[in-house]
Amino acid sequence: MSIDLNLPNKLTIFRIVLAPVFLFLFFAEFIPYNHIFALIVFVVAVITDFADGKIARCRNLVTNFGKIADPIADKILTTITLLCFMQKNLCSIWVILIIITREFAVSGIRITAAAQGSVIPANIYGKVKTVMQMIFSIIILLLLAIQSGIDFIFPHFEIISEVMMWILAIVTLVSGAIYIKDSAKIIDFSK
């Protein structure tokens, strides 16, 4: 079995590679303005996320590999980002638990569907959740970069971050529930 490494698939793989680079830069306190560099890497990863899907649809380059790998690349990047936020007290472990549980449940459904000969792509609710997660993460990273870059403390920064993350957790739960409900129409859970 060969993998069609067209441009969208290459962008997906590139996003997976960027995730540990982001992690390194986020905690590389010995590098001046490390949070700014981490933010730049994160934004580049987000751009590749939007670009790979758009290119795949416009050029008719949608592949089964892309349908599976693209959400996995998103999960890798967003999970690493959430863990970084938790380490800085910007996100509760409960938020991470909700989001990761949803991601494992959806991945399990995708694997079950694949075993039954179906591919279930991300739905609009999952895409909204992903966009919201990316936007909230960029806002938090931007505030963190500004705060660390000019030695300024934003009032209530941790509270603002926590509220955004709880909103995201609620949207994540709703999108996951809809995905599970919709998948019941496509796959046989009794097998």
C-alpha atoms as a PDB file:
ATOM      1  CA  MET A   1       0.000   0.000   0.000  1.00  0.00           C
ATOM      2  CA  SER A   2       1.456   3.329  -0.991  1.00  0.00           C
ATOM      3  CA  ILE A   3       0.692   6.712   0.481  1.00  0.00           C
ATOM      4  CA  ASP A   4      -0.101   9.455  -2.006  1.00  0.00           C
ATOM      5  CA  LEU A   5       2.100  12.254  -0.770  1.00  0.00           C
ATOM      6  CA  ASN A   6       0.386  15.002  -2.675  1.00  0.00           C
ATOM      7  CA  LEU A   7       0.725  18.592  -1.464  1.00  0.00           C
ATOM      8  CA  PRO A   8      -2.122  18.445   1.094  1.00  0.00           C
ATOM      9  CA  ASN A   9      -0.701  15.239   2.604  1.00  0.00           C
ATOM     10  CA  LYS A  10       2.775  16.794   2.757  1.00  0.00           C
ATOM     11  CA  LEU A  11       1.308  19.800   4.593  1.00  0.00           C
ATOM     12  CA  THR A  12      -0.370  17.443   7.068  1.00  0.00           C
ATOM     13  CA  ILE A  13       2.911  15.650   7.746  1.00  0.00           C
ATOM     14  CA  PHE A  14       4.676  19.014   8.057  1.00  0.00           C
ATOM     15  CA  ARG A  15       2.120  20.024  10.717  1.00  0.00           C
ATOM     16  CA  ILE A  16       2.919  16.851  12.667  1.00  0.00           C
ATOM     17  CA  VAL A  17       6.629  17.761  12.512  1.00  0.00           C
ATOM     18  CA  LEU A  18       5.904  21.313  13.710  1.00  0.00           C
ATOM     19  CA  ALA A  19       4.213  20.078  16.902  1.00  0.00           C
ATOM     20  CA  PRO A  20       7.417  19.041  18.748  1.00  0.00           C
ATOM     21  CA  VAL A  21       9.159  22.184  17.433  1.00  0.00           C
ATOM     22  CA  PHE A  22       6.376  24.225  19.055  1.00  0.00           C
ATOM     23  CA  LEU A  23       6.766  22.248  22.300  1.00  0.00           C
ATOM     24  CA  PHE A  24      10.521  22.837  22.353  1.00  0.00           C
ATOM     25  CA  LEU A  25      10.182  26.579  21.726  1.00  0.00           C
ATOM     26  CA  PHE A  26       7.390  26.974  24.276  1.00  0.00           C
ATOM     27  CA  PHE A  27       9.649  25.770  27.093  1.00  0.00           C
ATOM     28  CA  ALA A  28      13.010  27.011  25.732  1.00  0.00           C
ATOM     29  CA  GLU A  29      13.385  29.773  28.313  1.00  0.00           C
ATOM     30  CA  PHE A  30      17.055  30.128  27.325  1.00  0.00           C
ATOM     31  CA  ILE A  31      15.956  31.502  23.934  1.00  0.00           C
ATOM     32  CA  PRO A  32      14.977  35.184  24.091  1.00  0.00           C
ATOM     33  CA  TYR A  33      11.335  35.696  23.110  1.00  0.00           C
ATOM     34  CA  ASN A  34      10.757  31.934  22.955  1.00  0.00           C
ATOM     35  CA  HIS A  35       6.995  32.370  23.294  1.00  0.00           C
ATOM     36  CA  ILE A  36       6.933  34.610  20.224  1.00  0.00           C
ATOM     37  CA  PHE A  37       8.746  31.914  18.234  1.00  0.00           C
ATOM     38  CA  ALA A  38       6.369  29.274  19.604  1.00  0.00           C
ATOM     39  CA  LEU A  39       3.434  31.453  18.539  1.00  0.00           C
ATOM     40  CA  ILE A  40       4.882  31.812  15.016  1.00  0.00           C
ATOM     41  CA  VAL A  41       5.334  28.036  14.692  1.00  0.00           C
ATOM     42  CA  PHE A  42       1.780  27.486  15.955  1.00  0.00           C
ATOM     43  CA  VAL A  43       0.351  29.988  13.443  1.00  0.00           C
ATOM     44  CA  VAL A  44       2.286  28.332  10.607  1.00  0.00           C
ATOM     45  CA  ALA A  45       0.842  24.976  11.704  1.00  0.00           C
ATOM     46  CA  VAL A  46      -2.672  26.453  11.739  1.00  0.00           C
ATOM     47  CA  ILE A  47      -2.166  27.893   8.247  1.00  0.00           C
ATOM     48  CA  THR A  48      -1.084  24.461   6.972  1.00  0.00           C
ATOM     49  CA  ASP A  49      -4.248  23.006   8.521  1.00  0.00           C
ATOM     50  CA  PHE A  50      -6.489  25.376   6.568  1.00  0.00           C
ATOM     51  CA  ALA A  51      -4.360  25.134   3.418  1.00  0.00           C
ATOM     52  CA  ASP A  52      -4.214  21.357   3.177  1.00  0.00           C
ATOM     53  CA  GLY A  53      -7.982  20.942   3.271  1.00  0.00           C
ATOM     54  CA  LYS A  54      -8.646  23.797   0.863  1.00  0.00           C
ATOM     55  CA  ILE A  55      -6.034  22.565  -1.624  1.00  0.00           C
ATOM     56  CA  ALA A  56      -7.291  18.980  -1.363  1.00  0.00           C
ATOM     57  CA  ARG A  57     -10.889  19.985  -2.102  1.00  0.00           C
ATOM     58  CA  CYS A  58     -10.101  22.548  -4.832  1.00  0.00           C
ATOM     59  CA  ARG A  59      -7.687  20.279  -6.714  1.00  0.00           C
ATOM     60  CA  ASN A  60      -9.642  17.073  -6.059  1.00  0.00           C
ATOM     61  CA  LEU A  61      -6.725  15.639  -4.068  1.00  0.00           C
ATOM     62  CA  VAL A  62      -8.762  14.256  -1.156  1.00  0.00           C
ATOM     63  CA  THR A  63      -7.325  10.910  -0.050  1.00  0.00           C
ATOM     64  CA  ASN A  64      -8.235   8.402   2.653  1.00  0.00           C
ATOM     65  CA  PHE A  65      -4.805   9.062   4.150  1.00  0.00           C
ATOM     66  CA  GLY A  66      -5.615  12.761   4.353  1.00  0.00           C
ATOM     67  CA  LYS A  67      -9.049  12.114   5.893  1.00  0.00           C
ATOM     68  CA  ILE A  68      -7.396  10.137   8.685  1.00  0.00           C
ATOM     69  CA  ALA A  69      -4.035  11.914   9.059  1.00  0.00           C
ATOM     70  CA  ASP A  70      -5.390  15.482   9.043  1.00  0.00           C
ATOM     71  CA  PRO A  71      -7.477  15.069  12.221  1.00  0.00           C
ATOM     72  CA  ILE A  72      -4.592  13.172  13.852  1.00  0.00           C
ATOM     73  CA  ALA A  73      -2.214  16.042  13.055  1.00  0.00           C
ATOM     74  CA  ASP A  74      -4.731  18.442  14.619  1.00  0.00           C
ATOM     75  CA  LYS A  75      -4.977  16.283  17.729  1.00  0.00           C
ATOM     76  CA  ILE A  76      -1.203  16.093  18.127  1.00  0.00           C
ATOM     77  CA  LEU A  77      -0.783  19.864  17.846  1.00  0.00           C
ATOM     78  CA  THR A  78      -3.739  20.782  20.035  1.00  0.00           C
ATOM     79  CA  THR A  79      -2.940  18.200  22.734  1.00  0.00           C
ATOM     80  CA  ILE A  80       0.641  19.439  22.981  1.00  0.00           C
ATOM     81  CA  THR A  81      -0.645  23.019  23.167  1.00  0.00           C
ATOM     82  CA  LEU A  82      -3.140  22.190  25.917  1.00  0.00           C
ATOM     83  CA  LEU A  83      -0.465  20.404  27.946  1.00  0.00           C
ATOM     84  CA  CYS A  84       1.799  23.449  27.580  1.00  0.00           C
ATOM     85  CA  PHE A  85      -1.024  25.662  28.813  1.00  0.00           C
ATOM     86  CA  MET A  86      -1.656  23.359  31.773  1.00  0.00           C
ATOM     87  CA  GLN A  87       2.024  23.513  32.714  1.00  0.00           C
ATOM     88  CA  LYS A  88       1.726  27.330  32.840  1.00  0.00           C
ATOM     89  CA  ASN A  89      -1.556  27.181  34.846  1.00  0.00           C
ATOM     90  CA  LEU A  90      -3.532  28.496  31.878  1.00  0.00           C
ATOM     91  CA  CYS A  91      -5.735  25.422  31.475  1.00  0.00           C
ATOM     92  CA  SER A  92      -7.325  22.981  33.914  1.00  0.00           C
ATOM     93  CA  ILE A  93      -6.543  19.291  33.732  1.00  0.00           C
ATOM     94  CA  TRP A  94     -10.314  18.721  33.586  1.00  0.00           C
ATOM     95  CA  VAL A  95     -10.531  20.666  30.333  1.00  0.00           C
ATOM     96  CA  ILE A  96      -7.730  18.557  28.894  1.00  0.00           C
ATOM     97  CA  LEU A  97      -9.449  15.377  30.089  1.00  0.00           C
ATOM     98  CA  ILE A  98     -12.712  16.367  28.362  1.00  0.00           C
ATOM     99  CA  ILE A  99     -10.993  17.289  25.111  1.00  0.00           C
ATOM    100  CA  ILE A 100      -8.692  14.261  24.978  1.00  0.00           C
ATOM    101  CA  THR A 101     -11.521  11.867  25.888  1.00  0.00           C
ATOM    102  CA  ARG A 102     -13.605  13.251  23.022  1.00  0.00           C
ATOM    103  CA  GLU A 103     -10.654  12.926  20.648  1.00  0.00           C
ATOM    104  CA  PHE A 104     -10.037   9.277  21.632  1.00  0.00           C
ATOM    105  CA  ALA A 105     -13.751   8.492  21.258  1.00  0.00           C
ATOM    106  CA  VAL A 106     -13.886  10.043  17.784  1.00  0.00           C
ATOM    107  CA  SER A 107     -10.647   8.315  16.774  1.00  0.00           C
ATOM    108  CA  GLY A 108     -12.046   5.001  18.001  1.00  0.00           C
ATOM    109  CA  ILE A 109     -15.130   5.514  15.872  1.00  0.00           C
ATOM    110  CA  ARG A 110     -12.976   6.352  12.844  1.00  0.00           C
ATOM    111  CA  ILE A 111     -10.923   3.182  13.359  1.00  0.00           C
ATOM    112  CA  THR A 112     -14.101   1.100  13.732  1.00  0.00           C
ATOM    113  CA  ALA A 113     -15.500   2.642  10.554  1.00  0.00           C
ATOM    114  CA  ALA A 114     -12.269   1.952   8.685  1.00  0.00           C
ATOM    115  CA  ALA A 115     -12.351  -1.688   9.807  1.00  0.00           C
ATOM    116  CA  GLN A 116     -15.862  -1.890   8.327  1.00  0.00           C
ATOM    117  CA  GLY A 117     -14.774  -0.308   5.052  1.00  0.00           C
ATOM    118  CA  SER A 118     -15.964   3.248   5.691  1.00  0.00           C
ATOM    119  CA  VAL A 119     -14.157   6.519   6.213  1.00  0.00           C
ATOM    120  CA  ILE A 120     -15.940   9.100   8.346  1.00  0.00           C
ATOM    121  CA  PRO A 121     -14.488  12.570   7.714  1.00  0.00           C
ATOM    122  CA  ALA A 122     -14.718  15.403  10.203  1.00  0.00           C
ATOM    123  CA  ASN A 123     -18.126  17.070  10.304  1.00  0.00           C
ATOM    124  CA  ILE A 124     -18.888  20.785  10.517  1.00  0.00           C
ATOM    125  CA  TYR A 125     -19.173  20.669  14.322  1.00  0.00           C
ATOM    126  CA  GLY A 126     -15.730  19.152  14.647  1.00  0.00           C
ATOM    127  CA  LYS A 127     -14.375  21.783  12.295  1.00  0.00           C
ATOM    128  CA  VAL A 128     -15.976  24.573  14.356  1.00  0.00           C
ATOM    129  CA  LYS A 129     -14.434  23.061  17.480  1.00  0.00           C
ATOM    130  CA  THR A 130     -11.032  22.913  15.777  1.00  0.00           C
ATOM    131  CA  VAL A 131     -11.243  26.528  14.553  1.00  0.00           C
ATOM    132  CA  MET A 132     -12.317  27.700  18.008  1.00  0.00           C
ATOM    133  CA  GLN A 133      -9.457  25.753  19.600  1.00  0.00           C
ATOM    134  CA  MET A 134      -6.940  27.275  17.190  1.00  0.00           C
ATOM    135  CA  ILE A 135      -8.244  30.836  17.710  1.00  0.00           C
ATOM    136  CA  PHE A 136      -8.313  30.514  21.510  1.00  0.00           C
ATOM    137  CA  SER A 137      -4.813  29.002  21.487  1.00  0.00           C
ATOM    138  CA  ILE A 138      -3.476  31.837  19.323  1.00  0.00           C
ATOM    139  CA  ILE A 139      -5.026  34.427  21.673  1.00  0.00           C
ATOM    140  CA  ILE A 140      -3.487  32.763  24.729  1.00  0.00           C
ATOM    141  CA  LEU A 141      -0.106  32.357  23.024  1.00  0.00           C
ATOM    142  CA  LEU A 142      -0.187  35.997  21.892  1.00  0.00           C
ATOM    143  CA  LEU A 143      -0.970  37.234  25.405  1.00  0.00           C
ATOM    144  CA  LEU A 144       1.739  34.974  26.821  1.00  0.00           C
ATOM    145  CA  ALA A 145       4.260  36.208  24.242  1.00  0.00           C
ATOM    146  CA  ILE A 146       3.437  39.846  24.991  1.00  0.00           C
ATOM    147  CA  GLN A 147       3.505  39.227  28.718  1.00  0.00           C
ATOM    148  CA  SER A 148       6.884  37.491  28.663  1.00  0.00           C
ATOM    149  CA  GLY A 149       8.342  39.737  25.954  1.00  0.00           C
ATOM    150  CA  ILE A 150       7.774  43.056  27.702  1.00  0.00           C
ATOM    151  CA  ASP A 151       7.659  41.761  31.260  1.00  0.00           C
ATOM    152  CA  PHE A 152       4.041  42.850  31.673  1.00  0.00           C
ATOM    153  CA  ILE A 153       1.438  40.961  33.662  1.00  0.00           C
ATOM    154  CA  PHE A 154      -2.037  40.942  32.117  1.00  0.00           C
ATOM    155  CA  PRO A 155      -4.605  41.223  34.887  1.00  0.00           C
ATOM    156  CA  HIS A 156      -6.589  38.011  35.281  1.00  0.00           C
ATOM    157  CA  PHE A 157      -4.700  36.310  32.423  1.00  0.00           C
ATOM    158  CA  GLU A 158      -5.090  32.848  33.982  1.00  0.00           C
ATOM    159  CA  ILE A 159      -8.832  33.394  34.508  1.00  0.00           C
ATOM    160  CA  ILE A 160      -9.341  34.623  30.929  1.00  0.00           C
ATOM    161  CA  SER A 161      -7.464  31.594  29.610  1.00  0.00           C
ATOM    162  CA  GLU A 162      -9.390  29.191  31.836  1.00  0.00           C
ATOM    163  CA  VAL A 163     -12.763  30.625  30.758  1.00  0.00           C
ATOM    164  CA  MET A 164     -11.835  30.283  27.073  1.00  0.00           C
ATOM    165  CA  MET A 165     -10.715  26.707  27.653  1.00  0.00           C
ATOM    166  CA  TRP A 166     -13.957  25.783  29.459  1.00  0.00           C
ATOM    167  CA  ILE A 167     -15.999  27.243  26.596  1.00  0.00           C
ATOM    168  CA  LEU A 168     -13.901  25.104  24.270  1.00  0.00           C
ATOM    169  CA  ALA A 169     -14.501  22.035  26.466  1.00  0.00           C
ATOM    170  CA  ILE A 170     -18.276  22.528  26.229  1.00  0.00           C
ATOM    171  CA  VAL A 171     -18.142  22.932  22.431  1.00  0.00           C
ATOM    172  CA  THR A 172     -15.900  19.853  22.284  1.00  0.00           C
ATOM    173  CA  LEU A 173     -18.445  17.789  24.250  1.00  0.00           C
ATOM    174  CA  VAL A 174     -21.309  18.896  22.002  1.00  0.00           C
ATOM    175  CA  SER A 175     -19.379  18.232  18.778  1.00  0.00           C
ATOM    176  CA  GLY A 176     -18.306  14.822  20.072  1.00  0.00           C
ATOM    177  CA  ALA A 177     -21.859  13.844  20.993  1.00  0.00           C
ATOM    178  CA  ILE A 178     -23.090  14.855  17.521  1.00  0.00           C
ATOM    179  CA  TYR A 179     -20.265  12.904  15.853  1.00  0.00           C
ATOM    180  CA  ILE A 180     -21.076   9.771  17.870  1.00  0.00           C
ATOM    181  CA  LYS A 181     -24.806  10.109  17.080  1.00  0.00           C
ATOM    182  CA  ASP A 182     -24.153  10.593  13.350  1.00  0.00           C
ATOM    183  CA  SER A 183     -21.660   7.720  13.187  1.00  0.00           C
ATOM    184  CA  ALA A 184     -24.314   5.300  14.456  1.00  0.00           C
ATOM    185  CA  LYS A 185     -26.000   5.717  11.055  1.00  0.00           C
ATOM    186  CA  ILE A 186     -22.830   4.634   9.218  1.00  0.00           C
ATOM    187  CA  ILE A 187     -21.166   1.890  11.248  1.00  0.00           C
ATOM    188  CA  ASP A 188     -22.387  -1.199  13.047  1.00  0.00           C
ATOM    189  CA  PHE A 189     -21.306  -0.999  16.696  1.00  0.00           C
ATOM    190  CA  SER A 190     -22.369  -4.621  17.321  1.00  0.00           C
ATOM    191  CA  LYS A 191     -19.448  -6.042  15.280  1.00  0.00           C
END
